[in-house]
Amino acid sequence: MKKFSIISLLIFMAVFALITVSYSKSWSHINQLIEYSDGSSEWEPYVNWYPLKAVDSLHGRGSVKYTNFEKEYPNLFVELKKFIPLCNASLAFAILAWVGSLAMIVLSIADIIEIKLPPIGKFLGWIVFLFSLLSFLIYLGTPAAKKKDCENKFINCDELSIYQNKFFGKFTDPDGNEFKYGPSAGWNCIVIACAVSLVGSVYNLFFFNHQNV
């Protein structure tokens, strides 16, 4: 049994689990500051952005697929011609990284039980790293794409909270409502998976298919 590849197995099992979790979580969010009659206030979820849909938690609109965005609420939502391709590309690279991490798990198990393998296991982790890196970097462009989609329909996009060109930060609309923008668990999982796959890739360069001392 090649014990060095046990570490590789654990690393890419973690990557696989993180990417799997990211599919069921929102990737970014907008929270609104709600003030209560007793003078207290707290940030409440306003919109959660998933790879294929948005969920409006505050107003009870529920889940809206991006392909139906304008049809559901034509007075507020727009056709997301630039936003959807970025979301699809980001999700596609996450899926490719997920498949790559699964392949690394299989290769690590095979190496542990000393099945003779080509040297692909030393380098496949770098592909997982690259795909996960592209996934979260592409998603950073979604606020700007959403803003451009808005500008194709409305002239007051600078006043609309859901179309602000912000991945991080705060915004106050003309009515004095405060909003806060940031990444959510799904995107964070991809970032962590990317970092973990980088560690695994460096490790495998030296220790994959390495004989026990």
C-alpha atoms as a PDB file:
ATOM      1  CA  MET A   1       0.000   0.000   0.000  1.00  0.00           C
ATOM      2  CA  LYS A   2       1.356   3.420  -1.001  1.00  0.00           C
ATOM      3  CA  LYS A   3       0.644   5.533   2.063  1.00  0.00           C
ATOM      4  CA  PHE A   4       1.617   8.861   0.471  1.00  0.00           C
ATOM      5  CA  SER A   5      -1.460   8.811  -1.755  1.00  0.00           C
ATOM      6  CA  ILE A   6      -3.772   8.619   1.274  1.00  0.00           C
ATOM      7  CA  ILE A   7      -3.085  12.337   1.781  1.00  0.00           C
ATOM      8  CA  SER A   8      -3.955  12.999  -1.868  1.00  0.00           C
ATOM      9  CA  LEU A   9      -7.172  11.008  -1.449  1.00  0.00           C
ATOM     10  CA  LEU A  10      -8.240  13.033   1.595  1.00  0.00           C
ATOM     11  CA  ILE A  11      -7.416  16.339  -0.080  1.00  0.00           C
ATOM     12  CA  PHE A  12      -9.453  15.669  -3.209  1.00  0.00           C
ATOM     13  CA  MET A  13     -12.309  14.145  -1.222  1.00  0.00           C
ATOM     14  CA  ALA A  14     -12.467  17.529   0.527  1.00  0.00           C
ATOM     15  CA  VAL A  15     -12.445  19.324  -2.840  1.00  0.00           C
ATOM     16  CA  PHE A  16     -15.205  17.045  -4.127  1.00  0.00           C
ATOM     17  CA  ALA A  17     -17.325  17.666  -1.004  1.00  0.00           C
ATOM     18  CA  LEU A  18     -16.859  21.452  -1.140  1.00  0.00           C
ATOM     19  CA  ILE A  19     -17.905  21.703  -4.788  1.00  0.00           C
ATOM     20  CA  THR A  20     -20.874  19.414  -4.140  1.00  0.00           C
ATOM     21  CA  VAL A  21     -22.044  21.673  -1.299  1.00  0.00           C
ATOM     22  CA  SER A  22     -21.657  24.760  -3.527  1.00  0.00           C
ATOM     23  CA  TYR A  23     -24.391  23.534  -5.889  1.00  0.00           C
ATOM     24  CA  SER A  24     -27.054  23.759  -3.185  1.00  0.00           C
ATOM     25  CA  LYS A  25     -26.016  27.125  -1.725  1.00  0.00           C
ATOM     26  CA  SER A  26     -26.352  30.684  -2.982  1.00  0.00           C
ATOM     27  CA  TRP A  27     -23.178  32.195  -4.432  1.00  0.00           C
ATOM     28  CA  SER A  28     -23.825  35.838  -3.565  1.00  0.00           C
ATOM     29  CA  HIS A  29     -26.432  37.874  -1.742  1.00  0.00           C
ATOM     30  CA  ILE A  30     -27.976  41.245  -1.065  1.00  0.00           C
ATOM     31  CA  ASN A  31     -29.112  41.964   2.487  1.00  0.00           C
ATOM     32  CA  GLN A  32     -31.311  44.884   3.531  1.00  0.00           C
ATOM     33  CA  LEU A  33     -31.086  46.726   6.830  1.00  0.00           C
ATOM     34  CA  ILE A  34     -34.487  46.463   8.527  1.00  0.00           C
ATOM     35  CA  GLU A  35     -35.295  48.919  11.296  1.00  0.00           C
ATOM     36  CA  TYR A  36     -37.886  48.004  13.906  1.00  0.00           C
ATOM     37  CA  SER A  37     -40.234  50.187  15.926  1.00  0.00           C
ATOM     38  CA  ASP A  38     -38.256  49.605  19.135  1.00  0.00           C
ATOM     39  CA  GLY A  39     -35.228  51.271  17.553  1.00  0.00           C
ATOM     40  CA  SER A  40     -33.305  48.077  16.839  1.00  0.00           C
ATOM     41  CA  SER A  41     -32.196  46.998  13.386  1.00  0.00           C
ATOM     42  CA  GLU A  42     -30.711  43.963  11.661  1.00  0.00           C
ATOM     43  CA  TRP A  43     -29.632  42.799   8.226  1.00  0.00           C
ATOM     44  CA  GLU A  44     -32.206  40.561   6.584  1.00  0.00           C
ATOM     45  CA  PRO A  45     -31.777  38.518   3.366  1.00  0.00           C
ATOM     46  CA  TYR A  46     -33.088  40.486   0.392  1.00  0.00           C
ATOM     47  CA  VAL A  47     -31.989  38.465  -2.647  1.00  0.00           C
ATOM     48  CA  ASN A  48     -29.836  35.342  -2.792  1.00  0.00           C
ATOM     49  CA  TRP A  49     -28.186  34.645  -6.137  1.00  0.00           C
ATOM     50  CA  TYR A  50     -27.680  30.999  -7.097  1.00  0.00           C
ATOM     51  CA  PRO A  51     -25.979  29.797 -10.308  1.00  0.00           C
ATOM     52  CA  LEU A  52     -29.342  29.283 -12.064  1.00  0.00           C
ATOM     53  CA  LYS A  53     -31.909  31.218 -10.032  1.00  0.00           C
ATOM     54  CA  ALA A  54     -32.548  34.059  -7.604  1.00  0.00           C
ATOM     55  CA  VAL A  55     -34.451  33.734  -4.326  1.00  0.00           C
ATOM     56  CA  ASP A  56     -36.263  36.788  -2.958  1.00  0.00           C
ATOM     57  CA  SER A  57     -36.561  36.120   0.759  1.00  0.00           C
ATOM     58  CA  LEU A  58     -37.766  39.522   1.967  1.00  0.00           C
ATOM     59  CA  HIS A  59     -40.784  40.089  -0.270  1.00  0.00           C
ATOM     60  CA  GLY A  60     -41.929  36.495  -0.580  1.00  0.00           C
ATOM     61  CA  ARG A  61     -41.515  36.290  -4.350  1.00  0.00           C
ATOM     62  CA  GLY A  62     -39.703  32.997  -3.888  1.00  0.00           C
ATOM     63  CA  SER A  63     -37.444  31.363  -6.434  1.00  0.00           C
ATOM     64  CA  VAL A  64     -37.133  32.837  -9.935  1.00  0.00           C
ATOM     65  CA  LYS A  65     -35.120  31.142 -12.682  1.00  0.00           C
ATOM     66  CA  TYR A  66     -32.885  33.538 -14.555  1.00  0.00           C
ATOM     67  CA  THR A  67     -34.410  32.454 -17.865  1.00  0.00           C
ATOM     68  CA  ASN A  68     -37.822  33.633 -16.561  1.00  0.00           C
ATOM     69  CA  PHE A  69     -36.513  36.752 -14.840  1.00  0.00           C
ATOM     70  CA  GLU A  70     -38.218  39.391 -16.987  1.00  0.00           C
ATOM     71  CA  LYS A  71     -41.442  37.387 -17.485  1.00  0.00           C
ATOM     72  CA  GLU A  72     -42.062  36.999 -13.753  1.00  0.00           C
ATOM     73  CA  TYR A  73     -41.815  40.708 -12.838  1.00  0.00           C
ATOM     74  CA  PRO A  74     -41.604  42.857 -16.009  1.00  0.00           C
ATOM     75  CA  ASN A  75     -41.803  46.126 -14.059  1.00  0.00           C
ATOM     76  CA  LEU A  76     -38.673  45.331 -12.029  1.00  0.00           C
ATOM     77  CA  PHE A  77     -36.699  42.544 -13.684  1.00  0.00           C
ATOM     78  CA  VAL A  78     -34.893  42.527 -17.023  1.00  0.00           C
ATOM     79  CA  GLU A  79     -33.799  39.948 -19.554  1.00  0.00           C
ATOM     80  CA  LEU A  80     -30.405  38.771 -18.340  1.00  0.00           C
ATOM     81  CA  LYS A  81     -28.606  38.384 -21.666  1.00  0.00           C
ATOM     82  CA  LYS A  82     -25.130  39.142 -20.308  1.00  0.00           C
ATOM     83  CA  PHE A  83     -25.588  37.834 -16.776  1.00  0.00           C
ATOM     84  CA  ILE A  84     -26.780  34.299 -17.620  1.00  0.00           C
ATOM     85  CA  PRO A  85     -23.775  33.313 -19.810  1.00  0.00           C
ATOM     86  CA  LEU A  86     -21.389  34.260 -16.999  1.00  0.00           C
ATOM     87  CA  CYS A  87     -23.379  32.222 -14.476  1.00  0.00           C
ATOM     88  CA  ASN A  88     -23.466  29.272 -16.871  1.00  0.00           C
ATOM     89  CA  ALA A  89     -19.726  29.484 -17.533  1.00  0.00           C
ATOM     90  CA  SER A  90     -18.945  29.721 -13.829  1.00  0.00           C
ATOM     91  CA  LEU A  91     -21.151  26.721 -13.080  1.00  0.00           C
ATOM     92  CA  ALA A  92     -19.692  24.740 -16.005  1.00  0.00           C
ATOM     93  CA  PHE A  93     -16.137  25.193 -14.722  1.00  0.00           C
ATOM     94  CA  ALA A  94     -17.284  24.189 -11.224  1.00  0.00           C
ATOM     95  CA  ILE A  95     -18.760  20.995 -12.675  1.00  0.00           C
ATOM     96  CA  LEU A  96     -15.531  20.282 -14.580  1.00  0.00           C
ATOM     97  CA  ALA A  97     -13.537  20.792 -11.368  1.00  0.00           C
ATOM     98  CA  TRP A  98     -15.966  18.446  -9.587  1.00  0.00           C
ATOM     99  CA  VAL A  99     -15.437  15.753 -12.259  1.00  0.00           C
ATOM    100  CA  GLY A 100     -11.673  16.266 -12.049  1.00  0.00           C
ATOM    101  CA  SER A 101     -11.686  15.886  -8.273  1.00  0.00           C
ATOM    102  CA  LEU A 102     -13.698  12.666  -8.622  1.00  0.00           C
ATOM    103  CA  ALA A 103     -11.100  11.376 -11.098  1.00  0.00           C
ATOM    104  CA  MET A 104      -8.333  12.256  -8.617  1.00  0.00           C
ATOM    105  CA  ILE A 105     -10.149  10.297  -5.904  1.00  0.00           C
ATOM    106  CA  VAL A 106     -10.257   7.220  -8.163  1.00  0.00           C
ATOM    107  CA  LEU A 107      -6.601   7.620  -9.145  1.00  0.00           C
ATOM    108  CA  SER A 108      -5.542   8.060  -5.512  1.00  0.00           C
ATOM    109  CA  ILE A 109      -7.370   4.905  -4.454  1.00  0.00           C
ATOM    110  CA  ALA A 110      -5.784   3.011  -7.342  1.00  0.00           C
ATOM    111  CA  ASP A 111      -2.346   4.283  -6.334  1.00  0.00           C
ATOM    112  CA  ILE A 112      -2.904   3.368  -2.685  1.00  0.00           C
ATOM    113  CA  ILE A 113      -3.634  -0.256  -3.600  1.00  0.00           C
ATOM    114  CA  GLU A 114      -0.634  -0.185  -5.978  1.00  0.00           C
ATOM    115  CA  ILE A 115      -2.362  -0.450  -9.323  1.00  0.00           C
ATOM    116  CA  LYS A 116       0.169   0.662 -11.916  1.00  0.00           C
ATOM    117  CA  LEU A 117      -0.793   4.089 -13.256  1.00  0.00           C
ATOM    118  CA  PRO A 118       0.467   6.585 -15.817  1.00  0.00           C
ATOM    119  CA  PRO A 119       1.834   9.839 -14.344  1.00  0.00           C
ATOM    120  CA  ILE A 120      -1.456  11.695 -14.956  1.00  0.00           C
ATOM    121  CA  GLY A 121      -2.134  11.701 -11.224  1.00  0.00           C
ATOM    122  CA  LYS A 122       0.798  14.063 -10.698  1.00  0.00           C
ATOM    123  CA  PHE A 123      -0.797  16.707 -12.924  1.00  0.00           C
ATOM    124  CA  LEU A 124      -4.584  16.226 -12.940  1.00  0.00           C
ATOM    125  CA  GLY A 125      -4.924  18.209  -9.721  1.00  0.00           C
ATOM    126  CA  TRP A 126      -3.667  21.297 -11.535  1.00  0.00           C
ATOM    127  CA  ILE A 127      -6.595  21.021 -13.937  1.00  0.00           C
ATOM    128  CA  VAL A 128      -8.972  20.870 -10.967  1.00  0.00           C
ATOM    129  CA  PHE A 129      -7.265  23.946  -9.556  1.00  0.00           C
ATOM    130  CA  LEU A 130      -7.515  25.817 -12.875  1.00  0.00           C
ATOM    131  CA  PHE A 131     -11.197  24.994 -13.382  1.00  0.00           C
ATOM    132  CA  SER A 132     -12.173  26.003  -9.834  1.00  0.00           C
ATOM    133  CA  LEU A 133     -10.116  29.204 -10.171  1.00  0.00           C
ATOM    134  CA  LEU A 134     -11.906  30.111 -13.408  1.00  0.00           C
ATOM    135  CA  SER A 135     -15.256  29.308 -11.808  1.00  0.00           C
ATOM    136  CA  PHE A 136     -15.008  31.783  -8.959  1.00  0.00           C
ATOM    137  CA  LEU A 137     -13.176  34.459 -10.975  1.00  0.00           C
ATOM    138  CA  ILE A 138     -15.791  34.453 -13.756  1.00  0.00           C
ATOM    139  CA  TYR A 139     -18.552  34.807 -11.177  1.00  0.00           C
ATOM    140  CA  LEU A 140     -16.975  38.044  -9.945  1.00  0.00           C
ATOM    141  CA  GLY A 141     -18.101  39.620 -13.224  1.00  0.00           C
ATOM    142  CA  THR A 142     -21.804  38.897 -12.693  1.00  0.00           C
ATOM    143  CA  PRO A 143     -22.726  42.201 -10.945  1.00  0.00           C
ATOM    144  CA  ALA A 144     -21.315  44.227 -13.858  1.00  0.00           C
ATOM    145  CA  ALA A 145     -23.134  42.003 -16.358  1.00  0.00           C
ATOM    146  CA  LYS A 146     -26.401  42.439 -14.458  1.00  0.00           C
ATOM    147  CA  LYS A 147     -25.928  46.203 -14.474  1.00  0.00           C
ATOM    148  CA  LYS A 148     -25.436  46.198 -18.271  1.00  0.00           C
ATOM    149  CA  ASP A 149     -28.595  44.122 -18.708  1.00  0.00           C
ATOM    150  CA  CYS A 150     -30.487  46.663 -16.630  1.00  0.00           C
ATOM    151  CA  GLU A 151     -29.196  49.555 -18.729  1.00  0.00           C
ATOM    152  CA  ASN A 152     -30.727  47.938 -21.817  1.00  0.00           C
ATOM    153  CA  LYS A 153     -34.211  48.426 -20.316  1.00  0.00           C
ATOM    154  CA  PHE A 154     -34.146  51.066 -17.565  1.00  0.00           C
ATOM    155  CA  ILE A 155     -32.497  54.476 -17.246  1.00  0.00           C
ATOM    156  CA  ASN A 156     -32.418  54.553 -13.437  1.00  0.00           C
ATOM    157  CA  CYS A 157     -30.235  51.486 -12.822  1.00  0.00           C
ATOM    158  CA  ASP A 158     -28.010  53.443 -10.432  1.00  0.00           C
ATOM    159  CA  GLU A 159     -31.019  53.709  -8.105  1.00  0.00           C
ATOM    160  CA  LEU A 160     -32.039  50.012  -8.204  1.00  0.00           C
ATOM    161  CA  SER A 161     -30.501  47.825  -5.501  1.00  0.00           C
ATOM    162  CA  ILE A 162     -30.484  44.519  -7.388  1.00  0.00           C
ATOM    163  CA  TYR A 163     -28.601  45.980 -10.367  1.00  0.00           C
ATOM    164  CA  GLN A 164     -25.696  47.624  -8.568  1.00  0.00           C
ATOM    165  CA  ASN A 165     -22.223  46.809  -9.882  1.00  0.00           C
ATOM    166  CA  LYS A 166     -21.123  45.492  -6.499  1.00  0.00           C
ATOM    167  CA  PHE A 167     -19.911  42.089  -5.385  1.00  0.00           C
ATOM    168  CA  PHE A 168     -18.836  43.531  -2.033  1.00  0.00           C
ATOM    169  CA  GLY A 169     -19.986  46.752  -0.404  1.00  0.00           C
ATOM    170  CA  LYS A 170     -23.030  48.774   0.578  1.00  0.00           C
ATOM    171  CA  PHE A 171     -25.608  50.933  -1.198  1.00  0.00           C
ATOM    172  CA  THR A 172     -28.329  53.344  -0.095  1.00  0.00           C
ATOM    173  CA  ASP A 173     -31.231  53.847  -2.503  1.00  0.00           C
ATOM    174  CA  PRO A 174     -33.089  57.172  -3.023  1.00  0.00           C
ATOM    175  CA  ASP A 175     -35.650  56.161  -0.375  1.00  0.00           C
ATOM    176  CA  GLY A 176     -32.943  55.726   2.259  1.00  0.00           C
ATOM    177  CA  ASN A 177     -32.996  51.918   2.300  1.00  0.00           C
ATOM    178  CA  GLU A 178     -29.586  50.410   3.043  1.00  0.00           C
ATOM    179  CA  PHE A 179     -28.292  47.288   1.290  1.00  0.00           C
ATOM    180  CA  LYS A 180     -25.188  45.166   1.779  1.00  0.00           C
ATOM    181  CA  TYR A 181     -23.589  42.957  -0.882  1.00  0.00           C
ATOM    182  CA  GLY A 182     -21.255  40.009  -0.507  1.00  0.00           C
ATOM    183  CA  PRO A 183     -20.353  36.423  -1.398  1.00  0.00           C
ATOM    184  CA  SER A 184     -22.327  33.523   0.025  1.00  0.00           C
ATOM    185  CA  ALA A 185     -21.537  29.953   1.040  1.00  0.00           C
ATOM    186  CA  GLY A 186     -21.617  28.504  -2.498  1.00  0.00           C
ATOM    187  CA  TRP A 187     -18.972  30.865  -3.884  1.00  0.00           C
ATOM    188  CA  ASN A 188     -16.918  30.567  -0.699  1.00  0.00           C
ATOM    189  CA  CYS A 189     -16.912  26.775  -1.107  1.00  0.00           C
ATOM    190  CA  ILE A 190     -15.489  27.121  -4.628  1.00  0.00           C
ATOM    191  CA  VAL A 191     -12.756  29.476  -3.392  1.00  0.00           C
ATOM    192  CA  ILE A 192     -11.810  27.065  -0.589  1.00  0.00           C
ATOM    193  CA  ALA A 193     -11.917  24.113  -3.003  1.00  0.00           C
ATOM    194  CA  CYS A 194      -9.562  26.015  -5.297  1.00  0.00           C
ATOM    195  CA  ALA A 195      -7.097  26.629  -2.466  1.00  0.00           C
ATOM    196  CA  VAL A 196      -7.273  23.017  -1.277  1.00  0.00           C
ATOM    197  CA  SER A 197      -6.783  21.681  -4.810  1.00  0.00           C
ATOM    198  CA  LEU A 198      -3.681  23.893  -5.138  1.00  0.00           C
ATOM    199  CA  VAL A 199      -2.250  22.280  -2.005  1.00  0.00           C
ATOM    200  CA  GLY A 200      -3.102  18.839  -3.380  1.00  0.00           C
ATOM    201  CA  SER A 201      -1.566  19.624  -6.754  1.00  0.00           C
ATOM    202  CA  VAL A 202       1.735  20.699  -5.227  1.00  0.00           C
ATOM    203  CA  TYR A 203       1.725  17.653  -2.954  1.00  0.00           C
ATOM    204  CA  ASN A 204       1.064  15.255  -5.838  1.00  0.00           C
ATOM    205  CA  LEU A 205       3.951  16.623  -7.879  1.00  0.00           C
ATOM    206  CA  PHE A 206       6.281  15.163  -5.261  1.00  0.00           C
ATOM    207  CA  PHE A 207       4.396  12.290  -3.650  1.00  0.00           C
ATOM    208  CA  PHE A 208       1.814  10.815  -6.060  1.00  0.00           C
ATOM    209  CA  ASN A 209       2.898   7.318  -7.109  1.00  0.00           C
ATOM    210  CA  HIS A 210       5.738   7.655  -4.592  1.00  0.00           C
ATOM    211  CA  GLN A 211       7.091   4.472  -3.053  1.00  0.00           C
ATOM    212  CA  ASN A 212       6.935   4.087   0.728  1.00  0.00           C
ATOM    213  CA  VAL A 213      10.164   4.848   2.543  1.00  0.00           C
END
